[in-house]
Amino acid sequence: MLNLLLADRIDPNNPSVNLPTCTSTSVDNCIPNTSFETLFGTGIKVVLITVAVAAFIGIVYSGLMMITSGGDATKFALAKKNLLYAVIGIIVVILAFFIISLAYGFAGSL
């Protein structure tokens, strides 16, 4: 799944999905020719990856909270609740990725 998130599609016959090119001869004045589709896709990838990393950190943190609870039922319950929220976050990220991919597929076929 990570390959799907990070892979850039490059098709020489379709300039809307190519890497940005510079039309200026000066490097200082070079503004890449990026389409809205490319910018939106990159933004979605960054948000999904950031949320997935945050959820993974939440899972690790919850595990550490469980280990260090020392038999205290309230601390263990709090860690369990945090773990549940982190797992729900991962599920939401995966579902969001598939919904966005599905919508992109439908929009691309129009």
PDB file of N, CA and C in Angstrom:
ATOM      1  N   MET A   1       0.827  -1.185   0.000  1.00  0.00           N
ATOM      2  CA  MET A   1       0.000   0.000   0.000  1.00  0.00           C
ATOM      3  C   MET A   1       0.871   1.248   0.000  1.00  0.00           C
ATOM      4  N   LEU A   2       2.019   1.174   0.678  1.00  0.00           N
ATOM      5  CA  LEU A   2       2.904   2.330   0.717  1.00  0.00           C
ATOM      6  C   LEU A   2       3.399   2.682  -0.678  1.00  0.00           C
ATOM      7  N   ASN A   3       3.616   1.661  -1.513  1.00  0.00           N
ATOM      8  CA  ASN A   3       4.033   1.936  -2.888  1.00  0.00           C
ATOM      9  C   ASN A   3       2.967   2.718  -3.641  1.00  0.00           C
ATOM     10  N   LEU A   4       1.701   2.421  -3.365  1.00  0.00           N
ATOM     11  CA  LEU A   4       0.620   3.159  -4.022  1.00  0.00           C
ATOM     12  C   LEU A   4       0.595   4.608  -3.576  1.00  0.00           C
ATOM     13  N   LEU A   5       0.907   4.844  -2.300  1.00  0.00           N
ATOM     14  CA  LEU A   5       0.891   6.216  -1.792  1.00  0.00           C
ATOM     15  C   LEU A   5       2.057   7.030  -2.317  1.00  0.00           C
ATOM     16  N   LEU A   6       3.218   6.400  -2.455  1.00  0.00           N
ATOM     17  CA  LEU A   6       4.417   7.151  -2.785  1.00  0.00           C
ATOM     18  C   LEU A   6       4.750   7.153  -4.270  1.00  0.00           C
ATOM     19  N   ALA A   7       4.158   6.253  -5.030  1.00  0.00           N
ATOM     20  CA  ALA A   7       4.519   6.133  -6.440  1.00  0.00           C
ATOM     21  C   ALA A   7       3.938   7.291  -7.250  1.00  0.00           C
ATOM     22  N   ASP A   8       4.771   7.911  -8.058  1.00  0.00           N
ATOM     23  CA  ASP A   8       4.312   8.940  -8.987  1.00  0.00           C
ATOM     24  C   ASP A   8       4.122   8.293 -10.339  1.00  0.00           C
ATOM     25  N   ARG A   9       2.980   8.562 -10.945  1.00  0.00           N
ATOM     26  CA  ARG A   9       2.718   7.993 -12.260  1.00  0.00           C
ATOM     27  C   ARG A   9       3.306   8.918 -13.308  1.00  0.00           C
ATOM     28  N   ILE A  10       4.164   8.365 -14.131  1.00  0.00           N
ATOM     29  CA  ILE A  10       4.789   9.144 -15.193  1.00  0.00           C
ATOM     30  C   ILE A  10       4.408   8.504 -16.517  1.00  0.00           C
ATOM     31  N   ASP A  11       3.732   9.249 -17.347  1.00  0.00           N
ATOM     32  CA  ASP A  11       3.302   8.774 -18.647  1.00  0.00           C
ATOM     33  C   ASP A  11       3.688   9.824 -19.683  1.00  0.00           C
ATOM     34  N   PRO A  12       4.615   9.505 -20.588  1.00  0.00           N
ATOM     35  CA  PRO A  12       5.048  10.513 -21.560  1.00  0.00           C
ATOM     36  C   PRO A  12       3.947  10.954 -22.513  1.00  0.00           C
ATOM     37  N   ASN A  13       2.882  10.164 -22.661  1.00  0.00           N
ATOM     38  CA  ASN A  13       1.790  10.529 -23.562  1.00  0.00           C
ATOM     39  C   ASN A  13       0.730  11.395 -22.886  1.00  0.00           C
ATOM     40  N   ASN A  14       0.808  11.541 -21.576  1.00  0.00           N
ATOM     41  CA  ASN A  14      -0.173  12.320 -20.842  1.00  0.00           C
ATOM     42  C   ASN A  14       0.567  13.356 -19.989  1.00  0.00           C
ATOM     43  N   PRO A  15       0.664  14.597 -20.438  1.00  0.00           N
ATOM     44  CA  PRO A  15       1.456  15.589 -19.712  1.00  0.00           C
ATOM     45  C   PRO A  15       0.872  15.995 -18.372  1.00  0.00           C
ATOM     46  N   SER A  16      -0.379  15.661 -18.081  1.00  0.00           N
ATOM     47  CA  SER A  16      -0.953  16.088 -16.804  1.00  0.00           C
ATOM     48  C   SER A  16      -0.426  15.271 -15.631  1.00  0.00           C
ATOM     49  N   VAL A  17       0.192  14.124 -15.891  1.00  0.00           N
ATOM     50  CA  VAL A  17       0.720  13.316 -14.797  1.00  0.00           C
ATOM     51  C   VAL A  17       2.237  13.207 -14.836  1.00  0.00           C
ATOM     52  N   ASN A  18       2.888  13.983 -15.694  1.00  0.00           N
ATOM     53  CA  ASN A  18       4.345  13.991 -15.720  1.00  0.00           C
ATOM     54  C   ASN A  18       4.895  14.810 -14.573  1.00  0.00           C
ATOM     55  N   LEU A  19       6.170  14.631 -14.319  1.00  0.00           N
ATOM     56  CA  LEU A  19       6.825  15.471 -13.341  1.00  0.00           C
ATOM     57  C   LEU A  19       6.833  16.909 -13.846  1.00  0.00           C
ATOM     58  N   PRO A  20       6.813  17.887 -12.960  1.00  0.00           N
ATOM     59  CA  PRO A  20       6.792  19.277 -13.399  1.00  0.00           C
ATOM     60  C   PRO A  20       8.048  19.638 -14.188  1.00  0.00           C
ATOM     61  N   THR A  21       7.860  20.451 -15.183  1.00  0.00           N
ATOM     62  CA  THR A  21       8.991  20.915 -15.986  1.00  0.00           C
ATOM     63  C   THR A  21       9.078  22.432 -15.874  1.00  0.00           C
ATOM     64  N   CYS A  22      10.254  22.951 -16.140  1.00  0.00           N
ATOM     65  CA  CYS A  22      10.471  24.389 -16.064  1.00  0.00           C
ATOM     66  C   CYS A  22      10.598  24.935 -17.477  1.00  0.00           C
ATOM     67  N   THR A  23       9.856  25.995 -17.770  1.00  0.00           N
ATOM     68  CA  THR A  23       9.924  26.593 -19.096  1.00  0.00           C
ATOM     69  C   THR A  23      10.856  27.788 -19.137  1.00  0.00           C
ATOM     70  N   SER A  24      11.366  28.209 -17.988  1.00  0.00           N
ATOM     71  CA  SER A  24      12.246  29.362 -17.921  1.00  0.00           C
ATOM     72  C   SER A  24      13.692  28.930 -18.113  1.00  0.00           C
ATOM     73  N   THR A  25      14.508  29.823 -18.671  1.00  0.00           N
ATOM     74  CA  THR A  25      15.930  29.519 -18.828  1.00  0.00           C
ATOM     75  C   THR A  25      16.715  29.860 -17.578  1.00  0.00           C
ATOM     76  N   SER A  26      16.148  30.675 -16.692  1.00  0.00           N
ATOM     77  CA  SER A  26      16.808  31.048 -15.446  1.00  0.00           C
ATOM     78  C   SER A  26      16.293  30.175 -14.306  1.00  0.00           C
ATOM     79  N   VAL A  27      17.200  29.662 -13.514  1.00  0.00           N
ATOM     80  CA  VAL A  27      16.802  28.804 -12.398  1.00  0.00           C
ATOM     81  C   VAL A  27      16.035  29.603 -11.352  1.00  0.00           C
ATOM     82  N   ASP A  28      16.384  30.861 -11.152  1.00  0.00           N
ATOM     83  CA  ASP A  28      15.717  31.688 -10.150  1.00  0.00           C
ATOM     84  C   ASP A  28      14.262  31.972 -10.511  1.00  0.00           C
ATOM     85  N   ASN A  29      13.947  32.043 -11.789  1.00  0.00           N
ATOM     86  CA  ASN A  29      12.592  32.360 -12.232  1.00  0.00           C
ATOM     87  C   ASN A  29      11.784  31.123 -12.573  1.00  0.00           C
ATOM     88  N   CYS A  30      12.278  29.970 -12.211  1.00  0.00           N
ATOM     89  CA  CYS A  30      11.631  28.725 -12.593  1.00  0.00           C
ATOM     90  C   CYS A  30      10.487  28.389 -11.646  1.00  0.00           C
ATOM     91  N   ILE A  31       9.278  28.405 -12.141  1.00  0.00           N
ATOM     92  CA  ILE A  31       8.105  27.971 -11.398  1.00  0.00           C
ATOM     93  C   ILE A  31       7.605  26.718 -12.108  1.00  0.00           C
ATOM     94  N   PRO A  32       7.552  25.595 -11.409  1.00  0.00           N
ATOM     95  CA  PRO A  32       7.161  24.359 -12.076  1.00  0.00           C
ATOM     96  C   PRO A  32       5.741  24.436 -12.621  1.00  0.00           C
ATOM     97  N   ASN A  33       5.526  23.793 -13.755  1.00  0.00           N
ATOM     98  CA  ASN A  33       4.197  23.699 -14.347  1.00  0.00           C
ATOM     99  C   ASN A  33       3.482  22.519 -13.692  1.00  0.00           C
ATOM    100  N   THR A  34       2.754  22.788 -12.639  1.00  0.00           N
ATOM    101  CA  THR A  34       2.040  21.721 -11.949  1.00  0.00           C
ATOM    102  C   THR A  34       0.551  21.930 -12.118  1.00  0.00           C
ATOM    103  N   SER A  35      -0.140  20.846 -12.358  1.00  0.00           N
ATOM    104  CA  SER A  35      -1.584  20.923 -12.500  1.00  0.00           C
ATOM    105  C   SER A  35      -2.244  20.826 -11.133  1.00  0.00           C
ATOM    106  N   PHE A  36      -3.500  21.188 -11.087  1.00  0.00           N
ATOM    107  CA  PHE A  36      -4.262  21.071  -9.845  1.00  0.00           C
ATOM    108  C   PHE A  36      -4.311  19.614  -9.397  1.00  0.00           C
ATOM    109  N   GLU A  37      -4.429  18.721 -10.354  1.00  0.00           N
ATOM    110  CA  GLU A  37      -4.486  17.286 -10.064  1.00  0.00           C
ATOM    111  C   GLU A  37      -3.220  16.823  -9.342  1.00  0.00           C
ATOM    112  N   THR A  38      -2.059  17.283  -9.812  1.00  0.00           N
ATOM    113  CA  THR A  38      -0.797  16.897  -9.201  1.00  0.00           C
ATOM    114  C   THR A  38      -0.677  17.483  -7.796  1.00  0.00           C
ATOM    115  N   LEU A  39      -1.020  18.743  -7.633  1.00  0.00           N
ATOM    116  CA  LEU A  39      -0.942  19.375  -6.318  1.00  0.00           C
ATOM    117  C   LEU A  39      -1.912  18.744  -5.326  1.00  0.00           C
ATOM    118  N   PHE A  40      -3.128  18.476  -5.756  1.00  0.00           N
ATOM    119  CA  PHE A  40      -4.132  17.868  -4.896  1.00  0.00           C
ATOM    120  C   PHE A  40      -3.707  16.456  -4.501  1.00  0.00           C
ATOM    121  N   GLY A  41      -3.210  15.702  -5.469  1.00  0.00           N
ATOM    122  CA  GLY A  41      -2.761  14.338  -5.192  1.00  0.00           C
ATOM    123  C   GLY A  41      -1.610  14.305  -4.205  1.00  0.00           C
ATOM    124  N   THR A  42      -0.673  15.219  -4.368  1.00  0.00           N
ATOM    125  CA  THR A  42       0.462  15.293  -3.449  1.00  0.00           C
ATOM    126  C   THR A  42      -0.002  15.702  -2.054  1.00  0.00           C
ATOM    127  N   GLY A  43      -0.918  16.654  -1.983  1.00  0.00           N
ATOM    128  CA  GLY A  43      -1.447  17.082  -0.688  1.00  0.00           C
ATOM    129  C   GLY A  43      -2.168  15.950   0.028  1.00  0.00           C
ATOM    130  N   ILE A  44      -2.963  15.191  -0.695  1.00  0.00           N
ATOM    131  CA  ILE A  44      -3.680  14.056  -0.106  1.00  0.00           C
ATOM    132  C   ILE A  44      -2.688  13.018   0.402  1.00  0.00           C
ATOM    133  N   LYS A  45      -1.655  12.732  -0.380  1.00  0.00           N
ATOM    134  CA  LYS A  45      -0.647  11.757   0.044  1.00  0.00           C
ATOM    135  C   LYS A  45       0.042  12.202   1.329  1.00  0.00           C
ATOM    136  N   VAL A  46       0.393  13.474   1.396  1.00  0.00           N
ATOM    137  CA  VAL A  46       1.080  13.989   2.587  1.00  0.00           C
ATOM    138  C   VAL A  46       0.176  13.888   3.812  1.00  0.00           C
ATOM    139  N   VAL A  47      -1.082  14.249   3.671  1.00  0.00           N
ATOM    140  CA  VAL A  47      -2.014  14.192   4.801  1.00  0.00           C
ATOM    141  C   VAL A  47      -2.225  12.754   5.258  1.00  0.00           C
ATOM    142  N   LEU A  48      -2.437  11.835   4.314  1.00  0.00           N
ATOM    143  CA  LEU A  48      -2.671  10.442   4.680  1.00  0.00           C
ATOM    144  C   LEU A  48      -1.453   9.821   5.353  1.00  0.00           C
ATOM    145  N   ILE A  49      -0.272  10.099   4.837  1.00  0.00           N
ATOM    146  CA  ILE A  49       0.945   9.551   5.439  1.00  0.00           C
ATOM    147  C   ILE A  49       1.159  10.140   6.830  1.00  0.00           C
ATOM    148  N   THR A  50       0.925  11.439   6.992  1.00  0.00           N
ATOM    149  CA  THR A  50       1.095  12.078   8.297  1.00  0.00           C
ATOM    150  C   THR A  50       0.139  11.486   9.335  1.00  0.00           C
ATOM    151  N   VAL A  51      -1.106  11.290   8.961  1.00  0.00           N
ATOM    152  CA  VAL A  51      -2.086  10.728   9.887  1.00  0.00           C
ATOM    153  C   VAL A  51      -1.742   9.273  10.209  1.00  0.00           C
ATOM    154  N   ALA A  52      -1.288   8.521   9.213  1.00  0.00           N
ATOM    155  CA  ALA A  52      -0.905   7.128   9.462  1.00  0.00           C
ATOM    156  C   ALA A  52       0.281   7.046  10.417  1.00  0.00           C
ATOM    157  N   VAL A  53       1.257   7.905  10.249  1.00  0.00           N
ATOM    158  CA  VAL A  53       2.413   7.917  11.155  1.00  0.00           C
ATOM    159  C   VAL A  53       1.972   8.306  12.562  1.00  0.00           C
ATOM    160  N   ALA A  54       1.085   9.294  12.674  1.00  0.00           N
ATOM    161  CA  ALA A  54       0.593   9.704  13.991  1.00  0.00           C
ATOM    162  C   ALA A  54      -0.167   8.565  14.666  1.00  0.00           C
ATOM    163  N   ALA A  55      -0.956   7.815  13.907  1.00  0.00           N
ATOM    164  CA  ALA A  55      -1.687   6.689  14.484  1.00  0.00           C
ATOM    165  C   ALA A  55      -0.723   5.584  14.922  1.00  0.00           C
ATOM    166  N   PHE A  56       0.311   5.344  14.138  1.00  0.00           N
ATOM    167  CA  PHE A  56       1.309   4.337  14.528  1.00  0.00           C
ATOM    168  C   PHE A  56       2.015   4.751  15.809  1.00  0.00           C
ATOM    169  N   ILE A  57       2.366   6.021  15.913  1.00  0.00           N
ATOM    170  CA  ILE A  57       2.994   6.519  17.144  1.00  0.00           C
ATOM    171  C   ILE A  57       2.024   6.365  18.318  1.00  0.00           C
ATOM    172  N   GLY A  58       0.738   6.597  18.070  1.00  0.00           N
ATOM    173  CA  GLY A  58      -0.268   6.412  19.112  1.00  0.00           C
ATOM    174  C   GLY A  58      -0.356   4.964  19.577  1.00  0.00           C
ATOM    175  N   ILE A  59      -0.213   4.022  18.656  1.00  0.00           N
ATOM    176  CA  ILE A  59      -0.234   2.599  19.024  1.00  0.00           C
ATOM    177  C   ILE A  59       0.970   2.263  19.891  1.00  0.00           C
ATOM    178  N   VAL A  60       2.132   2.732  19.491  1.00  0.00           N
ATOM    179  CA  VAL A  60       3.352   2.471  20.274  1.00  0.00           C
ATOM    180  C   VAL A  60       3.233   3.115  21.654  1.00  0.00           C
ATOM    181  N   TYR A  61       2.757   4.347  21.706  1.00  0.00           N
ATOM    182  CA  TYR A  61       2.601   5.050  22.984  1.00  0.00           C
ATOM    183  C   TYR A  61       1.610   4.320  23.890  1.00  0.00           C
ATOM    184  N   SER A  62       0.514   3.839  23.321  1.00  0.00           N
ATOM    185  CA  SER A  62      -0.473   3.111  24.113  1.00  0.00           C
ATOM    186  C   SER A  62       0.112   1.820  24.669  1.00  0.00           C
ATOM    187  N   GLY A  63       0.920   1.153  23.860  1.00  0.00           N
ATOM    188  CA  GLY A  63       1.585  -0.059  24.348  1.00  0.00           C
ATOM    189  C   GLY A  63       2.511   0.236  25.503  1.00  0.00           C
ATOM    190  N   LEU A  64       3.246   1.334  25.392  1.00  0.00           N
ATOM    191  CA  LEU A  64       4.130   1.721  26.497  1.00  0.00           C
ATOM    192  C   LEU A  64       3.331   2.093  27.748  1.00  0.00           C
ATOM    193  N   MET A  65       2.188   2.743  27.553  1.00  0.00           N
ATOM    194  CA  MET A  65       1.334   3.084  28.688  1.00  0.00           C
ATOM    195  C   MET A  65       0.815   1.825  29.374  1.00  0.00           C
ATOM    196  N   MET A  66       0.466   0.802  28.562  1.00  0.00           N
ATOM    197  CA  MET A  66      -0.014  -0.458  29.140  1.00  0.00           C
ATOM    198  C   MET A  66       1.092  -1.146  29.938  1.00  0.00           C
ATOM    199  N   ILE A  67       2.292  -1.128  29.384  1.00  0.00           N
ATOM    200  CA  ILE A  67       3.416  -1.797  30.044  1.00  0.00           C
ATOM    201  C   ILE A  67       3.755  -1.098  31.359  1.00  0.00           C
ATOM    202  N   THR A  68       3.716   0.221  31.353  1.00  0.00           N
ATOM    203  CA  THR A  68       4.126   0.982  32.536  1.00  0.00           C
ATOM    204  C   THR A  68       2.964   1.304  33.484  1.00  0.00           C
ATOM    205  N   SER A  69       1.794   0.729  33.251  1.00  0.00           N
ATOM    206  CA  SER A  69       0.652   1.027  34.123  1.00  0.00           C
ATOM    207  C   SER A  69       0.853   0.462  35.530  1.00  0.00           C
ATOM    208  N   GLY A  70       1.676  -0.546  35.655  1.00  0.00           N
ATOM    209  CA  GLY A  70       1.996  -1.079  36.973  1.00  0.00           C
ATOM    210  C   GLY A  70       0.808  -1.669  37.706  1.00  0.00           C
ATOM    211  N   GLY A  71      -0.138  -2.202  36.986  1.00  0.00           N
ATOM    212  CA  GLY A  71      -1.299  -2.816  37.628  1.00  0.00           C
ATOM    213  C   GLY A  71      -2.411  -1.843  37.964  1.00  0.00           C
ATOM    214  N   ASP A  72      -2.218  -0.567  37.705  1.00  0.00           N
ATOM    215  CA  ASP A  72      -3.258   0.430  37.969  1.00  0.00           C
ATOM    216  C   ASP A  72      -4.341   0.309  36.888  1.00  0.00           C
ATOM    217  N   ALA A  73      -5.539  -0.013  37.316  1.00  0.00           N
ATOM    218  CA  ALA A  73      -6.634  -0.269  36.379  1.00  0.00           C
ATOM    219  C   ALA A  73      -7.013   0.973  35.578  1.00  0.00           C
ATOM    220  N   THR A  74      -6.957   2.158  36.171  1.00  0.00           N
ATOM    221  CA  THR A  74      -7.349   3.371  35.447  1.00  0.00           C
ATOM    222  C   THR A  74      -6.328   3.718  34.364  1.00  0.00           C
ATOM    223  N   LYS A  75      -5.032   3.555  34.681  1.00  0.00           N
ATOM    224  CA  LYS A  75      -4.006   3.826  33.664  1.00  0.00           C
ATOM    225  C   LYS A  75      -4.096   2.823  32.518  1.00  0.00           C
ATOM    226  N   PHE A  76      -4.361   1.560  32.860  1.00  0.00           N
ATOM    227  CA  PHE A  76      -4.482   0.538  31.826  1.00  0.00           C
ATOM    228  C   PHE A  76      -5.712   0.805  30.954  1.00  0.00           C
ATOM    229  N   ALA A  77      -6.820   1.222  31.562  1.00  0.00           N
ATOM    230  CA  ALA A  77      -8.036   1.528  30.800  1.00  0.00           C
ATOM    231  C   ALA A  77      -7.811   2.714  29.874  1.00  0.00           C
ATOM    232  N   LEU A  78      -7.071   3.711  30.344  1.00  0.00           N
ATOM    233  CA  LEU A  78      -6.754   4.865  29.498  1.00  0.00           C
ATOM    234  C   LEU A  78      -5.882   4.444  28.312  1.00  0.00           C
ATOM    235  N   ALA A  79      -4.907   3.587  28.575  1.00  0.00           N
ATOM    236  CA  ALA A  79      -4.047   3.099  27.487  1.00  0.00           C
ATOM    237  C   ALA A  79      -4.852   2.277  26.492  1.00  0.00           C
ATOM    238  N   LYS A  80      -5.763   1.478  26.981  1.00  0.00           N
ATOM    239  CA  LYS A  80      -6.614   0.667  26.104  1.00  0.00           C
ATOM    240  C   LYS A  80      -7.497   1.555  25.228  1.00  0.00           C
ATOM    241  N   LYS A  81      -8.033   2.623  25.817  1.00  0.00           N
ATOM    242  CA  LYS A  81      -8.866   3.567  25.057  1.00  0.00           C
ATOM    243  C   LYS A  81      -8.031   4.274  23.984  1.00  0.00           C
ATOM    244  N   ASN A  82      -6.814   4.682  24.338  1.00  0.00           N
ATOM    245  CA  ASN A  82      -5.931   5.321  23.358  1.00  0.00           C
ATOM    246  C   ASN A  82      -5.571   4.365  22.226  1.00  0.00           C
ATOM    247  N   LEU A  83      -5.350   3.101  22.566  1.00  0.00           N
ATOM    248  CA  LEU A  83      -5.041   2.101  21.551  1.00  0.00           C
ATOM    249  C   LEU A  83      -6.216   1.929  20.595  1.00  0.00           C
ATOM    250  N   LEU A  84      -7.406   1.894  21.140  1.00  0.00           N
ATOM    251  CA  LEU A  84      -8.606   1.775  20.303  1.00  0.00           C
ATOM    252  C   LEU A  84      -8.717   2.958  19.341  1.00  0.00           C
ATOM    253  N   TYR A  85      -8.484   4.155  19.840  1.00  0.00           N
ATOM    254  CA  TYR A  85      -8.557   5.341  18.983  1.00  0.00           C
ATOM    255  C   TYR A  85      -7.480   5.323  17.898  1.00  0.00           C
ATOM    256  N   ALA A  86      -6.299   4.848  18.225  1.00  0.00           N
ATOM    257  CA  ALA A  86      -5.224   4.775  17.231  1.00  0.00           C
ATOM    258  C   ALA A  86      -5.567   3.760  16.145  1.00  0.00           C
ATOM    259  N   VAL A  87      -6.115   2.613  16.525  1.00  0.00           N
ATOM    260  CA  VAL A  87      -6.504   1.599  15.535  1.00  0.00           C
ATOM    261  C   VAL A  87      -7.641   2.129  14.664  1.00  0.00           C
ATOM    262  N   ILE A  88      -8.588   2.813  15.264  1.00  0.00           N
ATOM    263  CA  ILE A  88      -9.665   3.426  14.478  1.00  0.00           C
ATOM    264  C   ILE A  88      -9.084   4.455  13.511  1.00  0.00           C
ATOM    265  N   GLY A  89      -8.085   5.210  13.962  1.00  0.00           N
ATOM    266  CA  GLY A  89      -7.431   6.175  13.073  1.00  0.00           C
ATOM    267  C   GLY A  89      -6.786   5.510  11.879  1.00  0.00           C
ATOM    268  N   ILE A  90      -6.112   4.383  12.085  1.00  0.00           N
ATOM    269  CA  ILE A  90      -5.495   3.651  10.970  1.00  0.00           C
ATOM    270  C   ILE A  90      -6.567   3.163  10.003  1.00  0.00           C
ATOM    271  N   ILE A  91      -7.666   2.644  10.537  1.00  0.00           N
ATOM    272  CA  ILE A  91      -8.751   2.158   9.681  1.00  0.00           C
ATOM    273  C   ILE A  91      -9.335   3.308   8.865  1.00  0.00           C
ATOM    274  N   VAL A  92      -9.532   4.452   9.489  1.00  0.00           N
ATOM    275  CA  VAL A  92     -10.070   5.622   8.772  1.00  0.00           C
ATOM    276  C   VAL A  92      -9.118   6.059   7.660  1.00  0.00           C
ATOM    277  N   VAL A  93      -7.806   6.045   7.922  1.00  0.00           N
ATOM    278  CA  VAL A  93      -6.829   6.433   6.903  1.00  0.00           C
ATOM    279  C   VAL A  93      -6.883   5.465   5.719  1.00  0.00           C
ATOM    280  N   ILE A  94      -6.952   4.174   6.006  1.00  0.00           N
ATOM    281  CA  ILE A  94      -7.013   3.184   4.922  1.00  0.00           C
ATOM    282  C   ILE A  94      -8.292   3.360   4.117  1.00  0.00           C
ATOM    283  N   LEU A  95      -9.415   3.531   4.794  1.00  0.00           N
ATOM    284  CA  LEU A  95     -10.676   3.745   4.080  1.00  0.00           C
ATOM    285  C   LEU A  95     -10.648   5.037   3.267  1.00  0.00           C
ATOM    286  N   ALA A  96     -10.081   6.095   3.833  1.00  0.00           N
ATOM    287  CA  ALA A  96      -9.994   7.360   3.099  1.00  0.00           C
ATOM    288  C   ALA A  96      -9.149   7.199   1.839  1.00  0.00           C
ATOM    289  N   PHE A  97      -8.048   6.467   1.959  1.00  0.00           N
ATOM    290  CA  PHE A  97      -7.197   6.239   0.790  1.00  0.00           C
ATOM    291  C   PHE A  97      -7.971   5.505  -0.303  1.00  0.00           C
ATOM    292  N   PHE A  98      -8.707   4.454   0.060  1.00  0.00           N
ATOM    293  CA  PHE A  98      -9.446   3.698  -0.945  1.00  0.00           C
ATOM    294  C   PHE A  98     -10.605   4.504  -1.522  1.00  0.00           C
ATOM    295  N   ILE A  99     -11.266   5.299  -0.712  1.00  0.00           N
ATOM    296  CA  ILE A  99     -12.355   6.132  -1.230  1.00  0.00           C
ATOM    297  C   ILE A  99     -11.818   7.185  -2.192  1.00  0.00           C
ATOM    298  N   ILE A 100     -10.703   7.802  -1.847  1.00  0.00           N
ATOM    299  CA  ILE A 100     -10.103   8.799  -2.735  1.00  0.00           C
ATOM    300  C   ILE A 100      -9.631   8.146  -4.020  1.00  0.00           C
ATOM    301  N   SER A 101      -9.029   6.963  -3.919  1.00  0.00           N
ATOM    302  CA  SER A 101      -8.589   6.252  -5.120  1.00  0.00           C
ATOM    303  C   SER A 101      -9.780   5.880  -5.999  1.00  0.00           C
ATOM    304  N   LEU A 102     -10.863   5.466  -5.384  1.00  0.00           N
ATOM    305  CA  LEU A 102     -12.066   5.114  -6.138  1.00  0.00           C
ATOM    306  C   LEU A 102     -12.646   6.348  -6.827  1.00  0.00           C
ATOM    307  N   ALA A 103     -12.739   7.452  -6.101  1.00  0.00           N
ATOM    308  CA  ALA A 103     -13.258   8.690  -6.688  1.00  0.00           C
ATOM    309  C   ALA A 103     -12.350   9.172  -7.820  1.00  0.00           C
ATOM    310  N   TYR A 104     -11.033   9.039  -7.624  1.00  0.00           N
ATOM    311  CA  TYR A 104     -10.089   9.427  -8.680  1.00  0.00           C
ATOM    312  C   TYR A 104     -10.272   8.567  -9.911  1.00  0.00           C
ATOM    313  N   GLY A 105     -10.513   7.278  -9.694  1.00  0.00           N
ATOM    314  CA  GLY A 105     -10.750   6.371 -10.829  1.00  0.00           C
ATOM    315  C   GLY A 105     -12.013   6.726 -11.592  1.00  0.00           C
ATOM    316  N   PHE A 106     -13.084   7.068 -10.853  1.00  0.00           N
ATOM    317  CA  PHE A 106     -14.321   7.460 -11.513  1.00  0.00           C
ATOM    318  C   PHE A 106     -14.165   8.789 -12.246  1.00  0.00           C
ATOM    319  N   ALA A 107     -13.472   9.731 -11.636  1.00  0.00           N
ATOM    320  CA  ALA A 107     -13.287  11.030 -12.266  1.00  0.00           C
ATOM    321  C   ALA A 107     -12.390  10.916 -13.485  1.00  0.00           C
ATOM    322  N   GLY A 108     -11.410  10.021 -13.448  1.00  0.00           N
ATOM    323  CA  GLY A 108     -10.509   9.844 -14.575  1.00  0.00           C
ATOM    324  C   GLY A 108     -11.192   9.184 -15.764  1.00  0.00           C
ATOM    325  N   SER A 109     -12.268   8.419 -15.517  1.00  0.00           N
ATOM    326  CA  SER A 109     -12.950   7.726 -16.604  1.00  0.00           C
ATOM    327  C   SER A 109     -13.997   8.599 -17.284  1.00  0.00           C
ATOM    328  N   LEU A 110     -14.261   9.797 -16.756  1.00  0.00           N
ATOM    329  CA  LEU A 110     -15.267  10.685 -17.365  1.00  0.00           C
ATOM    330  C   LEU A 110     -14.749  11.328 -18.613  1.00  0.00           C
TER     331      LEU A 110
END
